[in-house]
Amino acid sequence: MESALQTVVMSYIKACKGKENLDSSSFKKLVSKQLGGIMEDADSSSAVKEMQKGLDENSDGKVSFSEYLNLIGYLAKSLSQKQCGTTEAAS
């Protein structure tokens, strides 16, 4: 579990390229390269743009670390439900 958490954090930091938040381009690259195997539409620009918009709680056009963690939490819950065979939509 420790290495998984380190991977989540380091993936975000690497994608930020020294900046505090992910801009649209960096977010799209992160989703495409790191999450494409578990997310549908990870290669769809419009789907990723909508995802970013939904995560962007403060409407600054960027994805902060806490906003990114919302995505990670959603994906973890979805994977858990899939593995456990539950069909309840992740919220």
Protein backbone atom coordinates (compact mmCIF):
# COMPACT_ATOMS: atom_id res chain seq x y z
CA MET A 1 0.00 0.00 0.00
CA GLU A 2 2.86 2.37 0.80
CA SER A 3 4.34 2.06 -2.69
CA ALA A 4 0.91 2.60 -4.26
CA LEU A 5 0.50 5.86 -2.35
CA GLN A 6 4.00 6.96 -3.32
CA THR A 7 3.16 6.22 -6.96
CA VAL A 8 -0.05 8.29 -6.78
CA VAL A 9 1.81 11.26 -5.29
CA MET A 10 4.87 11.02 -7.53
CA SER A 11 2.76 10.65 -10.68
CA TYR A 12 1.02 13.93 -9.83
CA ILE A 13 4.27 15.72 -8.98
CA LYS A 14 5.94 14.52 -12.17
CA ALA A 15 2.96 15.56 -14.29
CA CYS A 16 2.98 19.05 -12.71
CA LYS A 17 6.55 19.65 -13.93
CA GLY A 18 7.43 21.90 -11.01
CA LYS A 19 4.14 23.77 -10.98
CA GLU A 20 1.62 23.70 -8.16
CA ASN A 21 -1.32 22.42 -10.24
CA LEU A 22 -1.98 20.46 -13.41
CA ASP A 23 -2.95 22.56 -16.40
CA SER A 24 -5.24 21.08 -19.06
CA SER A 25 -2.42 19.65 -21.16
CA SER A 26 -0.65 18.06 -18.19
CA PHE A 27 -3.90 16.62 -16.86
CA LYS A 28 -4.72 15.06 -20.25
CA LYS A 29 -1.24 13.50 -20.45
CA LEU A 30 -1.51 12.13 -16.90
CA VAL A 31 -4.90 10.57 -17.56
CA SER A 32 -3.84 9.13 -20.90
CA LYS A 33 -0.50 7.69 -19.74
CA GLN A 34 -1.24 6.68 -16.16
CA LEU A 35 -4.97 5.90 -16.08
CA GLY A 36 -5.78 4.76 -19.61
CA GLY A 37 -5.87 1.11 -18.60
CA ILE A 38 -8.66 1.58 -16.06
CA MET A 39 -10.60 4.50 -17.50
CA GLU A 40 -12.87 4.51 -20.51
CA ASP A 41 -12.43 7.52 -22.79
CA ALA A 42 -8.95 8.31 -21.42
CA ASP A 43 -7.88 9.09 -24.99
CA SER A 44 -10.91 11.26 -25.75
CA SER A 45 -10.02 14.95 -25.49
CA SER A 46 -13.61 15.97 -24.90
CA ALA A 47 -14.17 13.33 -22.20
CA VAL A 48 -10.96 14.30 -20.39
CA LYS A 49 -11.90 17.98 -20.64
CA GLU A 50 -15.31 17.23 -19.08
CA MET A 51 -13.62 15.17 -16.37
CA GLN A 52 -11.26 18.04 -15.58
CA LYS A 53 -14.17 20.48 -15.46
CA GLY A 54 -15.98 18.19 -13.01
CA LEU A 55 -12.92 17.92 -10.77
CA ASP A 56 -12.12 21.65 -10.83
CA GLU A 57 -13.92 22.67 -7.63
CA ASN A 58 -12.58 26.24 -7.60
CA SER A 59 -13.05 26.78 -11.37
CA ASP A 60 -9.48 27.95 -11.94
CA GLY A 61 -9.01 25.76 -15.02
CA LYS A 62 -6.40 23.61 -13.27
CA VAL A 63 -6.42 20.43 -11.20
CA SER A 64 -4.96 20.78 -7.71
CA PHE A 65 -3.63 17.84 -5.72
CA SER A 66 -6.80 17.63 -3.64
CA GLU A 67 -8.93 17.72 -6.81
CA TYR A 68 -6.74 14.97 -8.28
CA LEU A 69 -7.28 12.90 -5.14
CA ASN A 70 -11.03 13.10 -5.76
CA LEU A 71 -10.42 11.37 -9.10
CA ILE A 72 -8.18 8.74 -7.47
CA GLY A 73 -10.83 8.09 -4.81
CA TYR A 74 -13.55 7.72 -7.43
CA LEU A 75 -11.43 5.30 -9.45
CA ALA A 76 -10.50 3.28 -6.35
CA LYS A 77 -14.16 2.99 -5.37
CA SER A 78 -15.14 1.96 -8.90
CA LEU A 79 -12.42 -0.71 -9.01
CA SER A 80 -13.46 -1.99 -5.60
CA GLN A 81 -17.08 -2.28 -6.67
CA LYS A 82 -16.07 -4.04 -9.87
CA GLN A 83 -13.90 -6.53 -7.97
CA CYS A 84 -16.62 -7.16 -5.38
CA GLY A 85 -19.29 -7.54 -8.02
CA THR A 86 -21.44 -4.64 -6.83
CA THR A 87 -23.20 -2.57 -9.43
CA GLU A 88 -23.98 0.52 -7.35
CA ALA A 89 -22.71 3.64 -9.11
CA ALA A 90 -19.73 5.28 -7.49
CA SER A 91 -20.57 8.63 -5.94
